[in-house]
mmCIF file of all heavy atoms, coordinates in Angstrom:
data_MODEL
# 
_entry.id   MODEL 
# 
loop_
_atom_site.group_PDB 
_atom_site.id 
_atom_site.type_symbol 
_atom_site.label_atom_id 
_atom_site.label_alt_id 
_atom_site.label_comp_id 
_atom_site.label_asym_id 
_atom_site.label_entity_id 
_atom_site.label_seq_id 
_atom_site.pdbx_PDB_ins_code 
_atom_site.Cartn_x 
_atom_site.Cartn_y 
_atom_site.Cartn_z 
_atom_site.occupancy 
_atom_site.B_iso_or_equiv 
_atom_site.pdbx_formal_charge 
_atom_site.auth_seq_id 
_atom_site.auth_comp_id 
_atom_site.auth_asym_id 
_atom_site.auth_atom_id 
_atom_site.pdbx_PDB_model_num 
ATOM 1   N N   . ASP A 1 1  ? 0.853  -1.196  -0.059  1.00 0.00 ? 1  ASP A N   1 
ATOM 2   C CA  . ASP A 1 1  ? 0.018  -0.029  -0.019  1.00 0.00 ? 1  ASP A CA  1 
ATOM 3   C C   . ASP A 1 1  ? 0.763  1.278   0.009   1.00 0.00 ? 1  ASP A C   1 
ATOM 4   O O   . ASP A 1 1  ? 0.606  2.222   -0.741  1.00 0.00 ? 1  ASP A O   1 
ATOM 5   C CB  . ASP A 1 1  ? -0.862 -0.033  1.165   1.00 0.00 ? 1  ASP A CB  1 
ATOM 6   C CG  . ASP A 1 1  ? -2.114 -1.047  1.099   1.00 0.00 ? 1  ASP A CG  1 
ATOM 7   O OD1 . ASP A 1 1  ? -2.348 -1.420  0.086   1.00 0.00 ? 1  ASP A OD1 1 
ATOM 8   O OD2 . ASP A 1 1  ? -2.673 -1.333  2.152   1.00 0.00 ? 1  ASP A OD2 1 
ATOM 9   N N   . GLN A 1 2  ? 1.957  1.314   0.753   1.00 0.00 ? 2  GLN A N   1 
ATOM 10  C CA  . GLN A 1 2  ? 2.911  2.308   0.813   1.00 0.00 ? 2  GLN A CA  1 
ATOM 11  C C   . GLN A 1 2  ? 3.444  2.536   -0.439  1.00 0.00 ? 2  GLN A C   1 
ATOM 12  O O   . GLN A 1 2  ? 3.725  3.649   -0.953  1.00 0.00 ? 2  GLN A O   1 
ATOM 13  C CB  . GLN A 1 2  ? 3.924  2.069   2.023   1.00 0.00 ? 2  GLN A CB  1 
ATOM 14  C CG  . GLN A 1 2  ? 4.894  3.261   2.244   1.00 0.00 ? 2  GLN A CG  1 
ATOM 15  C CD  . GLN A 1 2  ? 4.127  4.645   2.547   1.00 0.00 ? 2  GLN A CD  1 
ATOM 16  O OE1 . GLN A 1 2  ? 3.185  4.543   3.238   1.00 0.00 ? 2  GLN A OE1 1 
ATOM 17  N NE2 . GLN A 1 2  ? 4.756  5.677   2.069   1.00 0.00 ? 2  GLN A NE2 1 
ATOM 18  N N   . LEU A 1 3  ? 3.862  1.512   -1.115  1.00 0.00 ? 3  LEU A N   1 
ATOM 19  C CA  . LEU A 1 3  ? 4.580  1.609   -2.468  1.00 0.00 ? 3  LEU A CA  1 
ATOM 20  C C   . LEU A 1 3  ? 3.603  2.245   -3.519  1.00 0.00 ? 3  LEU A C   1 
ATOM 21  O O   . LEU A 1 3  ? 4.034  3.271   -4.221  1.00 0.00 ? 3  LEU A O   1 
ATOM 22  C CB  . LEU A 1 3  ? 4.817  0.168   -3.036  1.00 0.00 ? 3  LEU A CB  1 
ATOM 23  C CG  . LEU A 1 3  ? 5.469  0.072   -4.441  1.00 0.00 ? 3  LEU A CG  1 
ATOM 24  C CD1 . LEU A 1 3  ? 6.876  0.789   -4.553  1.00 0.00 ? 3  LEU A CD1 1 
ATOM 25  C CD2 . LEU A 1 3  ? 5.499  -1.401  -4.899  1.00 0.00 ? 3  LEU A CD2 1 
ATOM 26  N N   . VAL A 1 4  ? 2.409  1.873   -3.396  1.00 0.00 ? 4  VAL A N   1 
ATOM 27  C CA  . VAL A 1 4  ? 1.426  2.456   -4.443  1.00 0.00 ? 4  VAL A CA  1 
ATOM 28  C C   . VAL A 1 4  ? 1.253  3.886   -4.049  1.00 0.00 ? 4  VAL A C   1 
ATOM 29  O O   . VAL A 1 4  ? 1.125  4.812   -4.971  1.00 0.00 ? 4  VAL A O   1 
ATOM 30  C CB  . VAL A 1 4  ? 0.083  1.748   -4.387  1.00 0.00 ? 4  VAL A CB  1 
ATOM 31  C CG1 . VAL A 1 4  ? -1.053 2.507   -5.238  1.00 0.00 ? 4  VAL A CG1 1 
ATOM 32  C CG2 . VAL A 1 4  ? 0.238  0.249   -4.952  1.00 0.00 ? 4  VAL A CG2 1 
ATOM 33  N N   . ALA A 1 5  ? 1.127  4.251   -2.857  1.00 0.00 ? 5  ALA A N   1 
ATOM 34  C CA  . ALA A 1 5  ? 0.881  5.634   -2.436  1.00 0.00 ? 5  ALA A CA  1 
ATOM 35  C C   . ALA A 1 5  ? 2.026  6.579   -2.787  1.00 0.00 ? 5  ALA A C   1 
ATOM 36  O O   . ALA A 1 5  ? 1.819  7.670   -3.197  1.00 0.00 ? 5  ALA A O   1 
ATOM 37  C CB  . ALA A 1 5  ? 0.498  5.594   -0.801  1.00 0.00 ? 5  ALA A CB  1 
ATOM 38  N N   . THR A 1 6  ? 3.184  6.096   -2.601  1.00 0.00 ? 6  THR A N   1 
ATOM 39  C CA  . THR A 1 6  ? 4.459  6.748   -2.913  1.00 0.00 ? 6  THR A CA  1 
ATOM 40  C C   . THR A 1 6  ? 4.548  6.984   -4.480  1.00 0.00 ? 6  THR A C   1 
ATOM 41  O O   . THR A 1 6  ? 4.950  7.867   -4.938  1.00 0.00 ? 6  THR A O   1 
ATOM 42  C CB  . THR A 1 6  ? 5.540  6.102   -2.305  1.00 0.00 ? 6  THR A CB  1 
ATOM 43  O OG1 . THR A 1 6  ? 5.550  5.841   -1.022  1.00 0.00 ? 6  THR A OG1 1 
ATOM 44  C CG2 . THR A 1 6  ? 6.936  6.913   -2.588  1.00 0.00 ? 6  THR A CG2 1 
ATOM 45  N N   . TRP A 1 7  ? 4.239  5.901   -5.162  1.00 0.00 ? 7  TRP A N   1 
ATOM 46  C CA  . TRP A 1 7  ? 4.316  5.996   -6.554  1.00 0.00 ? 7  TRP A CA  1 
ATOM 47  C C   . TRP A 1 7  ? 3.386  7.007   -7.323  1.00 0.00 ? 7  TRP A C   1 
ATOM 48  O O   . TRP A 1 7  ? 3.799  7.747   -8.219  1.00 0.00 ? 7  TRP A O   1 
ATOM 49  C CB  . TRP A 1 7  ? 3.817  4.432   -7.223  1.00 0.00 ? 7  TRP A CB  1 
ATOM 50  C CG  . TRP A 1 7  ? 3.929  4.397   -8.743  1.00 0.00 ? 7  TRP A CG  1 
ATOM 51  C CD1 . TRP A 1 7  ? 4.560  5.095   -9.623  1.00 0.00 ? 7  TRP A CD1 1 
ATOM 52  C CD2 . TRP A 1 7  ? 3.094  3.488   -9.439  1.00 0.00 ? 7  TRP A CD2 1 
ATOM 53  N NE1 . TRP A 1 7  ? 4.447  4.638   -10.850 1.00 0.00 ? 7  TRP A NE1 1 
ATOM 54  C CE2 . TRP A 1 7  ? 3.488  3.723   -10.881 1.00 0.00 ? 7  TRP A CE2 1 
ATOM 55  C CE3 . TRP A 1 7  ? 2.141  2.484   -9.020  1.00 0.00 ? 7  TRP A CE3 1 
ATOM 56  C CZ2 . TRP A 1 7  ? 2.918  2.918   -11.899 1.00 0.00 ? 7  TRP A CZ2 1 
ATOM 57  C CZ3 . TRP A 1 7  ? 1.614  1.711   -10.105 1.00 0.00 ? 7  TRP A CZ3 1 
ATOM 58  C CH2 . TRP A 1 7  ? 1.890  2.051   -11.455 1.00 0.00 ? 7  TRP A CH2 1 
ATOM 59  N N   . ARG A 1 8  ? 2.297  7.321   -6.603  1.00 0.00 ? 8  ARG A N   1 
ATOM 60  C CA  . ARG A 1 8  ? 1.465  8.201   -7.042  1.00 0.00 ? 8  ARG A CA  1 
ATOM 61  C C   . ARG A 1 8  ? 1.942  9.645   -6.971  1.00 0.00 ? 8  ARG A C   1 
ATOM 62  O O   . ARG A 1 8  ? 1.361  10.686  -7.747  1.00 0.00 ? 8  ARG A O   1 
ATOM 63  C CB  . ARG A 1 8  ? -0.096 8.169   -6.340  1.00 0.00 ? 8  ARG A CB  1 
ATOM 64  C CG  . ARG A 1 8  ? -0.850 6.961   -6.651  1.00 0.00 ? 8  ARG A CG  1 
ATOM 65  C CD  . ARG A 1 8  ? -2.033 6.850   -5.677  1.00 0.00 ? 8  ARG A CD  1 
ATOM 66  N NE  . ARG A 1 8  ? -2.950 5.616   -6.056  1.00 0.00 ? 8  ARG A NE  1 
ATOM 67  C CZ  . ARG A 1 8  ? -3.780 5.190   -5.237  1.00 0.00 ? 8  ARG A CZ  1 
ATOM 68  N NH1 . ARG A 1 8  ? -3.995 5.831   -4.013  1.00 0.00 ? 8  ARG A NH1 1 
ATOM 69  N NH2 . ARG A 1 8  ? -4.499 4.196   -5.592  1.00 0.00 ? 8  ARG A NH2 1 
ATOM 70  N N   . LEU A 1 9  ? 2.939  9.881   -6.321  1.00 0.00 ? 9  LEU A N   1 
ATOM 71  C CA  . LEU A 1 9  ? 3.592  11.092  -6.099  1.00 0.00 ? 9  LEU A CA  1 
ATOM 72  C C   . LEU A 1 9  ? 4.685  11.406  -7.058  1.00 0.00 ? 9  LEU A C   1 
ATOM 73  O O   . LEU A 1 9  ? 5.375  12.417  -6.918  1.00 0.00 ? 9  LEU A O   1 
ATOM 74  C CB  . LEU A 1 9  ? 3.977  11.299  -4.653  1.00 0.00 ? 9  LEU A CB  1 
ATOM 75  C CG  . LEU A 1 9  ? 2.993  11.191  -3.522  1.00 0.00 ? 9  LEU A CG  1 
ATOM 76  C CD1 . LEU A 1 9  ? 3.618  11.267  -2.126  1.00 0.00 ? 9  LEU A CD1 1 
ATOM 77  C CD2 . LEU A 1 9  ? 1.878  12.224  -3.696  1.00 0.00 ? 9  LEU A CD2 1 
ATOM 78  N N   . THR A 1 10 ? 5.032  10.419  -7.922  1.00 0.00 ? 10 THR A N   1 
ATOM 79  C CA  . THR A 1 10 ? 6.035  10.420  -8.824  1.00 0.00 ? 10 THR A CA  1 
ATOM 80  C C   . THR A 1 10 ? 5.589  10.390  -10.210 1.00 0.00 ? 10 THR A C   1 
ATOM 81  O O   . THR A 1 10 ? 4.483  10.250  -10.601 1.00 0.00 ? 10 THR A O   1 
ATOM 82  C CB  . THR A 1 10 ? 7.175  9.371   -8.546  1.00 0.00 ? 10 THR A CB  1 
ATOM 83  O OG1 . THR A 1 10 ? 6.525  8.119   -9.081  1.00 0.00 ? 10 THR A OG1 1 
ATOM 84  C CG2 . THR A 1 10 ? 7.335  9.168   -7.140  1.00 0.00 ? 10 THR A CG2 1 
ATOM 85  N N   . ALA A 1 11 ? 6.505  10.603  -11.152 1.00 0.00 ? 11 ALA A N   1 
ATOM 86  C CA  . ALA A 1 11 ? 6.305  10.589  -12.697 1.00 0.00 ? 11 ALA A CA  1 
ATOM 87  C C   . ALA A 1 11 ? 6.743  9.177   -13.186 1.00 0.00 ? 11 ALA A C   1 
ATOM 88  O O   . ALA A 1 11 ? 6.800  9.147   -14.427 1.00 0.00 ? 11 ALA A O   1 
ATOM 89  C CB  . ALA A 1 11 ? 6.934  11.752  -13.379 1.00 0.00 ? 11 ALA A CB  1 
ATOM 90  N N   . VAL A 1 12 ? 7.119  8.250   -12.368 1.00 0.00 ? 12 VAL A N   1 
ATOM 91  C CA  . VAL A 1 12 ? 7.731  6.976   -12.737 1.00 0.00 ? 12 VAL A CA  1 
ATOM 92  C C   . VAL A 1 12 ? 6.512  6.263   -13.449 1.00 0.00 ? 12 VAL A C   1 
ATOM 93  O O   . VAL A 1 12 ? 5.477  6.130   -12.884 1.00 0.00 ? 12 VAL A O   1 
ATOM 94  C CB  . VAL A 1 12 ? 8.084  6.184   -11.552 1.00 0.00 ? 12 VAL A CB  1 
ATOM 95  C CG1 . VAL A 1 12 ? 8.578  4.773   -11.859 1.00 0.00 ? 12 VAL A CG1 1 
ATOM 96  C CG2 . VAL A 1 12 ? 9.400  6.925   -11.012 1.00 0.00 ? 12 VAL A CG2 1 
ATOM 97  N N   . THR A 1 13 ? 6.802  5.585   -14.637 1.00 0.00 ? 13 THR A N   1 
ATOM 98  C CA  . THR A 1 13 ? 5.781  4.853   -15.303 1.00 0.00 ? 13 THR A CA  1 
ATOM 99  C C   . THR A 1 13 ? 5.705  3.473   -14.741 1.00 0.00 ? 13 THR A C   1 
ATOM 100 O O   . THR A 1 13 ? 6.510  3.072   -13.937 1.00 0.00 ? 13 THR A O   1 
ATOM 101 C CB  . THR A 1 13 ? 6.201  4.700   -16.790 1.00 0.00 ? 13 THR A CB  1 
ATOM 102 O OG1 . THR A 1 13 ? 7.384  3.869   -16.963 1.00 0.00 ? 13 THR A OG1 1 
ATOM 103 C CG2 . THR A 1 13 ? 6.538  6.104   -17.415 1.00 0.00 ? 13 THR A CG2 1 
ATOM 104 N N   . SER A 1 14 ? 4.595  2.836   -15.109 1.00 0.00 ? 14 SER A N   1 
ATOM 105 C CA  . SER A 1 14 ? 4.339  1.418   -14.603 1.00 0.00 ? 14 SER A CA  1 
ATOM 106 C C   . SER A 1 14 ? 5.514  0.482   -15.061 1.00 0.00 ? 14 SER A C   1 
ATOM 107 O O   . SER A 1 14 ? 5.962  -0.330  -14.189 1.00 0.00 ? 14 SER A O   1 
ATOM 108 C CB  . SER A 1 14 ? 3.045  0.878   -15.149 1.00 0.00 ? 14 SER A CB  1 
ATOM 109 O OG  . SER A 1 14 ? 3.003  0.929   -16.592 1.00 0.00 ? 14 SER A OG  1 
ATOM 110 N N   . GLY A 1 15 ? 5.974  0.681   -16.214 1.00 0.00 ? 15 GLY A N   1 
ATOM 111 C CA  . GLY A 1 15 ? 7.067  -0.091  -16.734 1.00 0.00 ? 15 GLY A CA  1 
ATOM 112 C C   . GLY A 1 15 ? 8.411  0.149   -15.908 1.00 0.00 ? 15 GLY A C   1 
ATOM 113 O O   . GLY A 1 15 ? 9.043  -0.834  -15.671 1.00 0.00 ? 15 GLY A O   1 
ATOM 114 N N   . GLU A 1 16 ? 8.673  1.221   -15.684 1.00 0.00 ? 16 GLU A N   1 
ATOM 115 C CA  . GLU A 1 16 ? 9.853  1.711   -14.749 1.00 0.00 ? 16 GLU A CA  1 
ATOM 116 C C   . GLU A 1 16 ? 9.661  1.097   -13.429 1.00 0.00 ? 16 GLU A C   1 
ATOM 117 O O   . GLU A 1 16 ? 10.650 0.545   -12.953 1.00 0.00 ? 16 GLU A O   1 
ATOM 118 C CB  . GLU A 1 16 ? 10.024 3.198   -14.814 1.00 0.00 ? 16 GLU A CB  1 
ATOM 119 C CG  . GLU A 1 16 ? 10.431 3.830   -16.272 1.00 0.00 ? 16 GLU A CG  1 
ATOM 120 C CD  . GLU A 1 16 ? 10.354 5.356   -16.317 1.00 0.00 ? 16 GLU A CD  1 
ATOM 121 O OE1 . GLU A 1 16 ? 9.706  5.919   -15.398 1.00 0.00 ? 16 GLU A OE1 1 
ATOM 122 O OE2 . GLU A 1 16 ? 11.017 5.899   -17.087 1.00 0.00 ? 16 GLU A OE2 1 
ATOM 123 N N   . LEU A 1 17 ? 8.671  1.211   -12.807 1.00 0.00 ? 17 LEU A N   1 
ATOM 124 C CA  . LEU A 1 17 ? 8.538  0.780   -11.453 1.00 0.00 ? 17 LEU A CA  1 
ATOM 125 C C   . LEU A 1 17 ? 8.547  -0.831  -11.419 1.00 0.00 ? 17 LEU A C   1 
ATOM 126 O O   . LEU A 1 17 ? 9.315  -1.397  -10.490 1.00 0.00 ? 17 LEU A O   1 
ATOM 127 C CB  . LEU A 1 17 ? 7.053  1.155   -10.907 1.00 0.00 ? 17 LEU A CB  1 
ATOM 128 C CG  . LEU A 1 17 ? 6.857  0.785   -9.401  1.00 0.00 ? 17 LEU A CG  1 
ATOM 129 C CD1 . LEU A 1 17 ? 7.841  1.203   -8.478  1.00 0.00 ? 17 LEU A CD1 1 
ATOM 130 C CD2 . LEU A 1 17 ? 5.412  1.203   -8.962  1.00 0.00 ? 17 LEU A CD2 1 
ATOM 131 N N   . ALA A 1 18 ? 7.943  -1.394  -12.343 1.00 0.00 ? 18 ALA A N   1 
ATOM 132 C CA  . ALA A 1 18 ? 8.132  -3.001  -12.442 1.00 0.00 ? 18 ALA A CA  1 
ATOM 133 C C   . ALA A 1 18 ? 9.511  -3.313  -12.534 1.00 0.00 ? 18 ALA A C   1 
ATOM 134 O O   . ALA A 1 18 ? 10.078 -4.310  -11.875 1.00 0.00 ? 18 ALA A O   1 
ATOM 135 C CB  . ALA A 1 18 ? 7.290  -3.420  -13.594 1.00 0.00 ? 18 ALA A CB  1 
ATOM 136 N N   . SER A 1 19 ? 10.211 -2.727  -13.374 1.00 0.00 ? 19 SER A N   1 
ATOM 137 C CA  . SER A 1 19 ? 11.756 -2.883  -13.678 1.00 0.00 ? 19 SER A CA  1 
ATOM 138 C C   . SER A 1 19 ? 12.445 -2.651  -12.308 1.00 0.00 ? 19 SER A C   1 
ATOM 139 O O   . SER A 1 19 ? 13.391 -3.361  -11.939 1.00 0.00 ? 19 SER A O   1 
ATOM 140 C CB  . SER A 1 19 ? 12.301 -2.202  -14.749 1.00 0.00 ? 19 SER A CB  1 
ATOM 141 O OG  . SER A 1 19 ? 11.711 -2.527  -15.944 1.00 0.00 ? 19 SER A OG  1 
ATOM 142 N N   . MET A 1 20 ? 12.148 -1.496  -11.762 1.00 0.00 ? 20 MET A N   1 
ATOM 143 C CA  . MET A 1 20 ? 12.916 -1.185  -10.372 1.00 0.00 ? 20 MET A CA  1 
ATOM 144 C C   . MET A 1 20 ? 12.567 -2.232  -9.286  1.00 0.00 ? 20 MET A C   1 
ATOM 145 O O   . MET A 1 20 ? 13.496 -2.654  -8.577  1.00 0.00 ? 20 MET A O   1 
ATOM 146 C CB  . MET A 1 20 ? 12.455 0.154   -9.903  1.00 0.00 ? 20 MET A CB  1 
ATOM 147 C CG  . MET A 1 20 ? 12.796 1.291   -10.823 1.00 0.00 ? 20 MET A CG  1 
ATOM 148 S SD  . MET A 1 20 ? 11.966 2.862   -10.496 1.00 0.00 ? 20 MET A SD  1 
ATOM 149 C CE  . MET A 1 20 ? 12.637 3.277   -8.997  1.00 0.00 ? 20 MET A CE  1 
ATOM 150 N N   . LEU A 1 21 ? 11.511 -2.847  -9.282  1.00 0.00 ? 21 LEU A N   1 
ATOM 151 C CA  . LEU A 1 21 ? 11.095 -3.870  -8.208  1.00 0.00 ? 21 LEU A CA  1 
ATOM 152 C C   . LEU A 1 21 ? 11.906 -5.179  -8.513  1.00 0.00 ? 21 LEU A C   1 
ATOM 153 O O   . LEU A 1 21 ? 12.537 -5.715  -7.776  1.00 0.00 ? 21 LEU A O   1 
ATOM 154 C CB  . LEU A 1 21 ? 9.653  -4.109  -8.250  1.00 0.00 ? 21 LEU A CB  1 
ATOM 155 C CG  . LEU A 1 21 ? 8.717  -3.192  -7.617  1.00 0.00 ? 21 LEU A CG  1 
ATOM 156 C CD1 . LEU A 1 21 ? 7.280  -3.461  -8.034  1.00 0.00 ? 21 LEU A CD1 1 
ATOM 157 C CD2 . LEU A 1 21 ? 8.882  -3.408  -6.013  1.00 0.00 ? 21 LEU A CD2 1 
ATOM 158 N N   . LEU A 1 22 ? 12.072 -5.480  -9.863  1.00 0.00 ? 22 LEU A N   1 
ATOM 159 C CA  . LEU A 1 22 ? 12.622 -6.741  -10.165 1.00 0.00 ? 22 LEU A CA  1 
ATOM 160 C C   . LEU A 1 22 ? 14.162 -6.627  -9.922  1.00 0.00 ? 22 LEU A C   1 
ATOM 161 O O   . LEU A 1 22 ? 14.808 -7.547  -9.443  1.00 0.00 ? 22 LEU A O   1 
ATOM 162 C CB  . LEU A 1 22 ? 12.491 -6.924  -11.714 1.00 0.00 ? 22 LEU A CB  1 
ATOM 163 C CG  . LEU A 1 22 ? 11.027 -7.380  -12.089 1.00 0.00 ? 22 LEU A CG  1 
ATOM 164 C CD1 . LEU A 1 22 ? 10.817 -7.475  -13.616 1.00 0.00 ? 22 LEU A CD1 1 
ATOM 165 C CD2 . LEU A 1 22 ? 10.627 -8.751  -11.477 1.00 0.00 ? 22 LEU A CD2 1 
ATOM 166 N N   . VAL A 1 23 ? 14.733 -5.333  -10.308 1.00 0.00 ? 23 VAL A N   1 
ATOM 167 C CA  . VAL A 1 23 ? 16.211 -5.100  -9.967  1.00 0.00 ? 23 VAL A CA  1 
ATOM 168 C C   . VAL A 1 23 ? 16.490 -5.341  -8.426  1.00 0.00 ? 23 VAL A C   1 
ATOM 169 O O   . VAL A 1 23 ? 17.456 -5.807  -7.998  1.00 0.00 ? 23 VAL A O   1 
ATOM 170 C CB  . VAL A 1 23 ? 16.633 -3.879  -10.540 1.00 0.00 ? 23 VAL A CB  1 
ATOM 171 C CG1 . VAL A 1 23 ? 18.092 -3.505  -10.057 1.00 0.00 ? 23 VAL A CG1 1 
ATOM 172 C CG2 . VAL A 1 23 ? 16.583 -3.880  -12.022 1.00 0.00 ? 23 VAL A CG2 1 
ATOM 173 N N   . ALA A 1 24 ? 15.579 -4.577  -7.683  1.00 0.00 ? 24 ALA A N   1 
ATOM 174 C CA  . ALA A 1 24 ? 15.868 -4.507  -6.124  1.00 0.00 ? 24 ALA A CA  1 
ATOM 175 C C   . ALA A 1 24 ? 15.769 -5.977  -5.661  1.00 0.00 ? 24 ALA A C   1 
ATOM 176 O O   . ALA A 1 24 ? 16.534 -6.346  -4.714  1.00 0.00 ? 24 ALA A O   1 
ATOM 177 C CB  . ALA A 1 24 ? 14.670 -3.642  -5.540  1.00 0.00 ? 24 ALA A CB  1 
ATOM 178 N N   . SER A 1 25 ? 14.814 -6.819  -6.153  1.00 0.00 ? 25 SER A N   1 
ATOM 179 C CA  . SER A 1 25 ? 14.686 -8.124  -5.636  1.00 0.00 ? 25 SER A CA  1 
ATOM 180 C C   . SER A 1 25 ? 15.889 -9.005  -5.982  1.00 0.00 ? 25 SER A C   1 
ATOM 181 O O   . SER A 1 25 ? 16.421 -9.745  -5.131  1.00 0.00 ? 25 SER A O   1 
ATOM 182 C CB  . SER A 1 25 ? 13.335 -8.746  -6.170  1.00 0.00 ? 25 SER A CB  1 
ATOM 183 O OG  . SER A 1 25 ? 13.246 -10.100 -5.750  1.00 0.00 ? 25 SER A OG  1 
ATOM 184 N N   . HIS A 1 26 ? 16.370 -8.777  -7.256  1.00 0.00 ? 26 HIS A N   1 
ATOM 185 C CA  . HIS A 1 26 ? 17.499 -9.586  -7.780  1.00 0.00 ? 26 HIS A CA  1 
ATOM 186 C C   . HIS A 1 26 ? 18.690 -9.262  -6.884  1.00 0.00 ? 26 HIS A C   1 
ATOM 187 O O   . HIS A 1 26 ? 19.571 -10.162 -6.506  1.00 0.00 ? 26 HIS A O   1 
ATOM 188 C CB  . HIS A 1 26 ? 17.643 -9.287  -9.235  1.00 0.00 ? 26 HIS A CB  1 
ATOM 189 C CG  . HIS A 1 26 ? 18.860 -9.929  -9.718  1.00 0.00 ? 26 HIS A CG  1 
ATOM 190 N ND1 . HIS A 1 26 ? 18.900 -11.400 -10.069 1.00 0.00 ? 26 HIS A ND1 1 
ATOM 191 C CD2 . HIS A 1 26 ? 20.097 -9.605  -10.196 1.00 0.00 ? 26 HIS A CD2 1 
ATOM 192 C CE1 . HIS A 1 26 ? 19.925 -11.699 -10.610 1.00 0.00 ? 26 HIS A CE1 1 
ATOM 193 N NE2 . HIS A 1 26 ? 20.744 -10.604 -10.548 1.00 0.00 ? 26 HIS A NE2 1 
ATOM 194 N N   . VAL A 1 27 ? 19.083 -7.873  -6.669  1.00 0.00 ? 27 VAL A N   1 
ATOM 195 C CA  . VAL A 1 27 ? 20.195 -7.334  -5.890  1.00 0.00 ? 27 VAL A CA  1 
ATOM 196 C C   . VAL A 1 27 ? 20.250 -7.941  -4.454  1.00 0.00 ? 27 VAL A C   1 
ATOM 197 O O   . VAL A 1 27 ? 21.118 -8.616  -4.065  1.00 0.00 ? 27 VAL A O   1 
ATOM 198 C CB  . VAL A 1 27 ? 20.252 -5.971  -6.009  1.00 0.00 ? 27 VAL A CB  1 
ATOM 199 C CG1 . VAL A 1 27 ? 21.401 -5.485  -4.986  1.00 0.00 ? 27 VAL A CG1 1 
ATOM 200 C CG2 . VAL A 1 27 ? 20.643 -5.458  -7.374  1.00 0.00 ? 27 VAL A CG2 1 
# 
């Protein structure tokens, strides 16, 4: 829920956020 709420305050696209999540998990 916090991720979604924070996302709404940025200009990050859905594709960019998905990629960021995958990279963070992998690292």
